[in-house]
Each structure stands twice: as structure tokens, then as C-alpha cells.
Amino acid sequence: MIQKVTLRDGLHLEDYAGLAYLASTVKDLRAAARLLAPKLKGRTVWMVNSTAQGGGVAEMMPRLVGILRDVGVKTEWVVMGAKEPAFFDLTKRIHNLIHDFGHARFNPREKALYRSASLEAAACAANGVDRFLS
């Protein structure tokens, strides 16, 4: 299951530029984006994670997507889930492993769950993601 996340209007680069300690960083970001964003013209950056709420990634995603859109990069956010709620727990564990926390042993049920969700996502990508968005 893949769901597109609709973002409410939130913070924009202009909001960050209004903070004195971020003004030069925003200026530098805009300058870099003027050079790099045109190279992505006609393409979409897809941000993919396993939940639209709860957790650090879900909390930062609206701001990140908003900033990318502000600098002219077409960006969409989708949540890749599975029929089993255990998929979220598994992806959280994998996320923690990236930060060197937890154990890397997965049981056969976890491997099957991950494989199933991955195959579904691959099918979506192969057949056009837009067709599978709910």
C-alpha cells in the first residue's frame, strides 16, 4: 500500500530567512538551488517512509518537502505501508540500525514481511507509482 501525503501549508524559506541566524544559510541554499534545481526539471523527487505521523522522520518531512518545493524541485511524499501493523515496527528497527542501535538479526517472519512490502513497492514503481497511490 502506498499513500501520497498531502501537506498543509507550513513554513517556507522566507520564514527561515527572517531569522537573523539563518538568513545567510537560506541565501546560500537559494544560490545553490539556482544552479542545481534546473537539472531536475521534468523529474520528481519522491520521499518515501513508513508513516506520516509519529517519529522524527515524519516530523521533519513536511519541512524538507516544503523547502525543496520552495527552491523549485518537484517533490512528493509517500508512505509505504503493509497490511500488517508489524511492518512499521520493522522499519523502525531498520532505521535504528542505521544509527547503530539494536540487533541486526531478523526472523523468517520479519524477512517475509519486508520482502512482501518491497515486492509491492517494486510493482508500483514498475507500473507507474501514480497508478497505485491511494
N, C-alpha and C. Protein backbone atom coordinates (compact mmCIF):
# COMPACT_ATOMS: atom_id res chain seq x y z
N MET A 1 0.85 -1.18 0.00
CA MET A 1 0.00 0.00 0.00
C MET A 1 0.89 1.24 0.00
N ILE A 2 0.64 2.13 -0.92
CA ILE A 2 1.38 3.39 -0.99
C ILE A 2 0.36 4.52 -0.96
N GLN A 3 0.58 5.46 -0.05
CA GLN A 3 -0.33 6.60 0.08
C GLN A 3 0.46 7.89 -0.07
N LYS A 4 -0.07 8.78 -0.87
CA LYS A 4 0.53 10.10 -1.02
C LYS A 4 0.11 10.96 0.16
N VAL A 5 1.06 11.68 0.73
CA VAL A 5 0.77 12.55 1.86
C VAL A 5 0.52 13.96 1.35
N THR A 6 -0.63 14.51 1.71
CA THR A 6 -0.96 15.88 1.34
C THR A 6 -0.48 16.80 2.47
N LEU A 7 0.32 17.78 2.11
CA LEU A 7 0.87 18.68 3.12
C LEU A 7 0.02 19.94 3.25
N ARG A 8 -0.17 20.33 4.48
CA ARG A 8 -0.82 21.62 4.73
C ARG A 8 0.23 22.69 4.50
N ASP A 9 -0.21 23.88 4.18
CA ASP A 9 0.72 24.98 4.01
C ASP A 9 1.45 25.21 5.33
N GLY A 10 2.73 25.16 5.30
CA GLY A 10 3.51 25.32 6.53
C GLY A 10 4.58 26.38 6.37
N LEU A 11 5.72 26.14 6.96
CA LEU A 11 6.83 27.08 6.87
C LEU A 11 7.42 27.09 5.48
N HIS A 12 7.91 28.26 5.09
CA HIS A 12 8.58 28.43 3.80
C HIS A 12 9.96 29.02 4.05
N LEU A 13 10.79 28.98 3.03
CA LEU A 13 12.14 29.53 3.17
C LEU A 13 12.13 30.97 3.66
N GLU A 14 11.14 31.71 3.23
CA GLU A 14 11.04 33.11 3.66
C GLU A 14 10.92 33.22 5.18
N ASP A 15 10.23 32.26 5.79
CA ASP A 15 10.10 32.24 7.25
C ASP A 15 11.45 32.03 7.92
N TYR A 16 12.24 31.12 7.35
CA TYR A 16 13.58 30.86 7.90
C TYR A 16 14.51 32.05 7.66
N ALA A 17 14.39 32.67 6.48
CA ALA A 17 15.24 33.82 6.14
C ALA A 17 15.00 34.98 7.09
N GLY A 18 13.82 35.05 7.68
CA GLY A 18 13.50 36.11 8.61
C GLY A 18 14.20 35.99 9.95
N LEU A 19 14.83 34.85 10.20
CA LEU A 19 15.58 34.65 11.44
C LEU A 19 17.04 35.01 11.17
N ALA A 20 17.55 35.97 11.90
CA ALA A 20 18.89 36.50 11.64
C ALA A 20 19.95 35.41 11.53
N TYR A 21 19.91 34.43 12.42
CA TYR A 21 20.96 33.42 12.43
C TYR A 21 20.83 32.42 11.27
N LEU A 22 19.72 32.43 10.53
CA LEU A 22 19.55 31.54 9.39
C LEU A 22 19.57 32.28 8.05
N ALA A 23 19.56 33.59 8.07
CA ALA A 23 19.46 34.37 6.84
C ALA A 23 20.55 34.04 5.84
N SER A 24 21.80 33.96 6.28
CA SER A 24 22.88 33.68 5.32
C SER A 24 22.82 32.24 4.81
N THR A 25 22.37 31.33 5.65
CA THR A 25 22.23 29.93 5.22
C THR A 25 21.15 29.82 4.16
N VAL A 26 20.05 30.51 4.34
CA VAL A 26 18.97 30.49 3.35
C VAL A 26 19.46 31.11 2.04
N LYS A 27 20.22 32.18 2.15
CA LYS A 27 20.77 32.84 0.95
C LYS A 27 21.68 31.86 0.20
N ASP A 28 22.54 31.15 0.91
CA ASP A 28 23.44 30.18 0.29
C ASP A 28 22.65 29.03 -0.34
N LEU A 29 21.61 28.58 0.34
CA LEU A 29 20.77 27.49 -0.19
C LEU A 29 20.10 27.93 -1.48
N ARG A 30 19.57 29.11 -1.50
CA ARG A 30 18.91 29.61 -2.71
C ARG A 30 19.90 29.72 -3.87
N ALA A 31 21.13 30.18 -3.58
CA ALA A 31 22.14 30.31 -4.63
C ALA A 31 22.49 28.92 -5.20
N ALA A 32 22.67 27.95 -4.33
CA ALA A 32 22.98 26.60 -4.79
C ALA A 32 21.81 26.02 -5.58
N ALA A 33 20.60 26.27 -5.12
CA ALA A 33 19.41 25.75 -5.80
C ALA A 33 19.24 26.35 -7.19
N ARG A 34 19.61 27.61 -7.36
CA ARG A 34 19.51 28.22 -8.69
C ARG A 34 20.38 27.48 -9.70
N LEU A 35 21.49 26.92 -9.23
CA LEU A 35 22.38 26.17 -10.12
C LEU A 35 21.93 24.72 -10.31
N LEU A 36 21.43 24.11 -9.24
CA LEU A 36 21.17 22.68 -9.26
C LEU A 36 19.73 22.28 -9.59
N ALA A 37 18.75 23.04 -9.12
CA ALA A 37 17.35 22.66 -9.33
C ALA A 37 16.98 22.51 -10.81
N PRO A 38 17.50 23.36 -11.71
CA PRO A 38 17.15 23.19 -13.13
C PRO A 38 17.57 21.82 -13.69
N LYS A 39 18.57 21.20 -13.09
CA LYS A 39 19.00 19.88 -13.57
C LYS A 39 17.95 18.81 -13.27
N LEU A 40 17.02 19.10 -12.37
CA LEU A 40 15.95 18.15 -12.03
C LEU A 40 14.65 18.46 -12.76
N LYS A 41 14.69 19.45 -13.66
CA LYS A 41 13.48 19.83 -14.38
C LYS A 41 12.87 18.62 -15.07
N GLY A 42 11.57 18.46 -14.91
CA GLY A 42 10.86 17.35 -15.52
C GLY A 42 10.91 16.07 -14.69
N ARG A 43 11.57 16.12 -13.55
CA ARG A 43 11.68 14.95 -12.67
C ARG A 43 10.99 15.25 -11.34
N THR A 44 10.69 14.20 -10.62
CA THR A 44 10.08 14.33 -9.29
C THR A 44 10.96 13.61 -8.28
N VAL A 45 11.23 14.26 -7.18
CA VAL A 45 11.91 13.62 -6.06
C VAL A 45 10.82 13.01 -5.18
N TRP A 46 10.90 11.72 -4.94
CA TRP A 46 9.92 11.01 -4.12
C TRP A 46 10.54 10.71 -2.77
N MET A 47 9.96 11.26 -1.73
CA MET A 47 10.37 10.96 -0.36
C MET A 47 9.49 9.81 0.11
N VAL A 48 10.10 8.74 0.60
CA VAL A 48 9.35 7.54 0.97
C VAL A 48 9.71 7.16 2.40
N ASN A 49 8.70 6.96 3.22
CA ASN A 49 8.92 6.41 4.55
C ASN A 49 7.70 5.60 4.95
N SER A 50 7.69 5.11 6.20
CA SER A 50 6.65 4.16 6.58
C SER A 50 5.52 4.74 7.41
N THR A 51 5.56 6.03 7.70
CA THR A 51 4.46 6.63 8.45
C THR A 51 4.41 8.14 8.19
N ALA A 52 3.21 8.67 8.24
CA ALA A 52 3.04 10.11 8.05
C ALA A 52 2.96 10.85 9.38
N GLN A 53 2.99 10.11 10.48
CA GLN A 53 2.93 10.76 11.79
C GLN A 53 3.64 9.91 12.82
N GLY A 54 4.15 10.57 13.83
CA GLY A 54 4.86 9.87 14.89
C GLY A 54 6.25 9.48 14.44
N GLY A 55 7.22 9.96 15.11
CA GLY A 55 8.60 9.66 14.73
C GLY A 55 9.28 10.85 14.11
N GLY A 56 10.58 10.89 14.23
CA GLY A 56 11.36 12.03 13.78
C GLY A 56 11.32 12.28 12.29
N VAL A 57 11.37 11.21 11.49
CA VAL A 57 11.35 11.39 10.03
C VAL A 57 10.03 12.02 9.61
N ALA A 58 8.92 11.52 10.13
CA ALA A 58 7.61 12.07 9.78
C ALA A 58 7.47 13.51 10.22
N GLU A 59 8.13 13.89 11.32
CA GLU A 59 8.04 15.27 11.79
C GLU A 59 8.86 16.23 10.93
N MET A 60 9.97 15.76 10.38
CA MET A 60 10.80 16.67 9.58
C MET A 60 10.40 16.69 8.11
N MET A 61 9.69 15.65 7.65
CA MET A 61 9.37 15.54 6.23
C MET A 61 8.58 16.73 5.67
N PRO A 62 7.54 17.25 6.35
CA PRO A 62 6.83 18.39 5.78
C PRO A 62 7.74 19.60 5.54
N ARG A 63 8.66 19.85 6.45
CA ARG A 63 9.56 20.99 6.28
C ARG A 63 10.54 20.75 5.14
N LEU A 64 11.07 19.54 5.06
CA LEU A 64 12.01 19.22 4.00
C LEU A 64 11.35 19.28 2.63
N VAL A 65 10.17 18.70 2.50
CA VAL A 65 9.44 18.75 1.24
C VAL A 65 9.12 20.20 0.88
N GLY A 66 8.70 20.98 1.88
CA GLY A 66 8.39 22.39 1.63
C GLY A 66 9.59 23.18 1.14
N ILE A 67 10.74 22.95 1.74
CA ILE A 67 11.96 23.66 1.32
C ILE A 67 12.34 23.27 -0.11
N LEU A 68 12.29 21.98 -0.41
CA LEU A 68 12.62 21.55 -1.77
C LEU A 68 11.67 22.17 -2.79
N ARG A 69 10.39 22.21 -2.46
CA ARG A 69 9.43 22.84 -3.38
C ARG A 69 9.71 24.33 -3.51
N ASP A 70 10.07 24.98 -2.40
CA ASP A 70 10.37 26.42 -2.44
C ASP A 70 11.53 26.75 -3.37
N VAL A 71 12.49 25.83 -3.50
CA VAL A 71 13.64 26.10 -4.37
C VAL A 71 13.43 25.55 -5.78
N GLY A 72 12.21 25.10 -6.07
CA GLY A 72 11.88 24.71 -7.43
C GLY A 72 12.04 23.24 -7.77
N VAL A 73 12.15 22.39 -6.76
CA VAL A 73 12.28 20.96 -7.01
C VAL A 73 10.91 20.31 -6.79
N LYS A 74 10.37 19.69 -7.83
CA LYS A 74 9.09 19.00 -7.69
C LYS A 74 9.31 17.82 -6.73
N THR A 75 8.61 17.83 -5.62
CA THR A 75 8.83 16.84 -4.57
C THR A 75 7.50 16.32 -4.06
N GLU A 76 7.42 15.00 -3.90
CA GLU A 76 6.23 14.36 -3.35
C GLU A 76 6.66 13.46 -2.20
N TRP A 77 5.74 13.26 -1.27
CA TRP A 77 5.99 12.41 -0.12
C TRP A 77 4.96 11.29 -0.12
N VAL A 78 5.44 10.06 -0.07
CA VAL A 78 4.55 8.92 0.02
C VAL A 78 4.93 8.05 1.21
N VAL A 79 3.92 7.38 1.72
CA VAL A 79 4.11 6.45 2.83
C VAL A 79 3.91 5.05 2.28
N MET A 80 4.92 4.22 2.48
CA MET A 80 4.86 2.83 2.05
C MET A 80 4.51 1.99 3.26
N GLY A 81 3.39 1.35 3.21
CA GLY A 81 2.97 0.54 4.33
C GLY A 81 2.75 -0.90 3.92
N ALA A 82 2.20 -1.64 4.80
CA ALA A 82 1.88 -3.04 4.54
C ALA A 82 0.57 -3.34 5.26
N LYS A 83 -0.02 -4.45 4.90
CA LYS A 83 -1.28 -4.81 5.55
C LYS A 83 -1.10 -5.12 7.02
N GLU A 84 0.10 -5.52 7.39
CA GLU A 84 0.38 -5.86 8.78
C GLU A 84 0.97 -4.68 9.54
N PRO A 85 0.42 -4.35 10.69
CA PRO A 85 0.99 -3.26 11.50
C PRO A 85 2.44 -3.51 11.90
N ALA A 86 2.86 -4.76 11.91
CA ALA A 86 4.24 -5.09 12.29
C ALA A 86 5.26 -4.49 11.32
N PHE A 87 4.81 -4.09 10.12
CA PHE A 87 5.73 -3.50 9.15
C PHE A 87 6.34 -2.22 9.70
N PHE A 88 5.52 -1.39 10.36
CA PHE A 88 6.05 -0.15 10.93
C PHE A 88 7.13 -0.45 11.96
N ASP A 89 6.88 -1.42 12.84
CA ASP A 89 7.87 -1.79 13.86
C ASP A 89 9.17 -2.25 13.21
N LEU A 90 9.04 -3.01 12.13
CA LEU A 90 10.22 -3.50 11.43
C LEU A 90 11.01 -2.34 10.81
N THR A 91 10.33 -1.43 10.16
CA THR A 91 11.04 -0.30 9.54
C THR A 91 11.67 0.60 10.60
N LYS A 92 11.04 0.71 11.75
CA LYS A 92 11.62 1.48 12.86
C LYS A 92 12.92 0.82 13.33
N ARG A 93 12.89 -0.50 13.39
CA ARG A 93 14.09 -1.23 13.80
C ARG A 93 15.22 -1.03 12.79
N ILE A 94 14.89 -1.08 11.52
CA ILE A 94 15.89 -0.87 10.47
C ILE A 94 16.45 0.55 10.57
N HIS A 95 15.57 1.52 10.79
CA HIS A 95 16.00 2.91 10.98
C HIS A 95 16.99 3.01 12.14
N ASN A 96 16.67 2.37 13.25
CA ASN A 96 17.57 2.41 14.40
C ASN A 96 18.91 1.74 14.12
N LEU A 97 18.91 0.69 13.30
CA LEU A 97 20.16 0.03 12.94
C LEU A 97 21.08 0.97 12.16
N ILE A 98 20.49 1.83 11.34
CA ILE A 98 21.29 2.81 10.61
C ILE A 98 22.05 3.70 11.60
N HIS A 99 21.47 3.92 12.76
CA HIS A 99 22.10 4.74 13.81
C HIS A 99 22.86 3.88 14.82
N ASP A 100 23.15 2.64 14.42
CA ASP A 100 23.96 1.72 15.23
C ASP A 100 23.32 1.40 16.57
N PHE A 101 22.01 1.22 16.54
CA PHE A 101 21.28 0.86 17.76
C PHE A 101 20.40 -0.35 17.47
N GLY A 102 20.52 -1.38 18.27
CA GLY A 102 19.69 -2.57 18.11
C GLY A 102 20.46 -3.73 17.52
N HIS A 103 19.75 -4.81 17.25
CA HIS A 103 20.39 -6.00 16.70
C HIS A 103 19.91 -6.24 15.27
N ALA A 104 20.79 -6.79 14.46
CA ALA A 104 20.52 -6.94 13.03
C ALA A 104 20.00 -8.32 12.64
N ARG A 105 19.57 -9.10 13.58
CA ARG A 105 19.04 -10.43 13.25
C ARG A 105 17.54 -10.34 13.02
N PHE A 106 17.13 -10.80 11.86
CA PHE A 106 15.72 -10.78 11.51
C PHE A 106 15.21 -12.22 11.40
N ASN A 107 14.05 -12.45 11.98
CA ASN A 107 13.50 -13.80 11.93
C ASN A 107 12.80 -14.02 10.57
N PRO A 108 12.47 -15.24 10.25
CA PRO A 108 11.85 -15.52 8.94
C PRO A 108 10.56 -14.73 8.70
N ARG A 109 9.77 -14.51 9.71
CA ARG A 109 8.52 -13.75 9.55
C ARG A 109 8.82 -12.30 9.17
N GLU A 110 9.82 -11.70 9.83
CA GLU A 110 10.20 -10.32 9.51
C GLU A 110 10.76 -10.22 8.10
N LYS A 111 11.56 -11.19 7.71
CA LYS A 111 12.12 -11.19 6.35
C LYS A 111 11.01 -11.30 5.31
N ALA A 112 10.04 -12.16 5.57
CA ALA A 112 8.92 -12.34 4.64
C ALA A 112 8.08 -11.06 4.55
N LEU A 113 7.85 -10.43 5.69
CA LEU A 113 7.08 -9.18 5.71
C LEU A 113 7.79 -8.10 4.90
N TYR A 114 9.08 -7.96 5.11
CA TYR A 114 9.85 -6.94 4.38
C TYR A 114 9.86 -7.26 2.88
N ARG A 115 10.06 -8.51 2.56
CA ARG A 115 10.09 -8.93 1.16
C ARG A 115 8.75 -8.64 0.48
N SER A 116 7.67 -8.95 1.15
CA SER A 116 6.33 -8.73 0.60
C SER A 116 6.08 -7.24 0.32
N ALA A 117 6.39 -6.40 1.30
CA ALA A 117 6.19 -4.96 1.12
C ALA A 117 7.10 -4.41 0.03
N SER A 118 8.32 -4.92 -0.04
CA SER A 118 9.27 -4.47 -1.07
C SER A 118 8.81 -4.86 -2.47
N LEU A 119 8.30 -6.08 -2.60
CA LEU A 119 7.80 -6.52 -3.91
C LEU A 119 6.60 -5.68 -4.35
N GLU A 120 5.73 -5.35 -3.40
CA GLU A 120 4.59 -4.50 -3.73
C GLU A 120 5.06 -3.12 -4.19
N ALA A 121 6.04 -2.57 -3.49
CA ALA A 121 6.58 -1.25 -3.87
C ALA A 121 7.27 -1.32 -5.23
N ALA A 122 8.00 -2.40 -5.49
CA ALA A 122 8.66 -2.57 -6.79
C ALA A 122 7.64 -2.66 -7.92
N ALA A 123 6.54 -3.34 -7.67
CA ALA A 123 5.48 -3.44 -8.67
C ALA A 123 4.90 -2.07 -8.96
N CYS A 124 4.73 -1.28 -7.91
CA CYS A 124 4.22 0.09 -8.09
C CYS A 124 5.17 0.91 -8.95
N ALA A 125 6.47 0.80 -8.66
CA ALA A 125 7.46 1.56 -9.41
C ALA A 125 7.50 1.11 -10.87
N ALA A 126 7.42 -0.18 -11.08
CA ALA A 126 7.50 -0.72 -12.45
C ALA A 126 6.28 -0.35 -13.29
N ASN A 127 5.14 -0.19 -12.63
CA ASN A 127 3.90 0.08 -13.35
C ASN A 127 3.43 1.52 -13.26
N GLY A 128 4.26 2.37 -12.71
CA GLY A 128 3.88 3.78 -12.57
C GLY A 128 3.30 4.04 -11.21
N VAL A 129 4.02 4.73 -10.37
CA VAL A 129 3.61 4.95 -8.98
C VAL A 129 2.24 5.62 -8.90
N ASP A 130 1.96 6.58 -9.75
CA ASP A 130 0.69 7.30 -9.67
C ASP A 130 -0.51 6.37 -9.72
N ARG A 131 -0.39 5.28 -10.43
CA ARG A 131 -1.49 4.33 -10.57
C ARG A 131 -1.83 3.65 -9.24
N PHE A 132 -0.86 3.57 -8.32
CA PHE A 132 -1.06 2.84 -7.10
C PHE A 132 -1.32 3.72 -5.89
N LEU A 133 -1.25 5.02 -6.06
CA LEU A 133 -1.46 5.93 -4.93
C LEU A 133 -2.90 5.90 -4.50
N SER A 134 -3.09 5.83 -3.19
CA SER A 134 -4.48 5.85 -2.68
C SER A 134 -4.80 7.19 -2.10
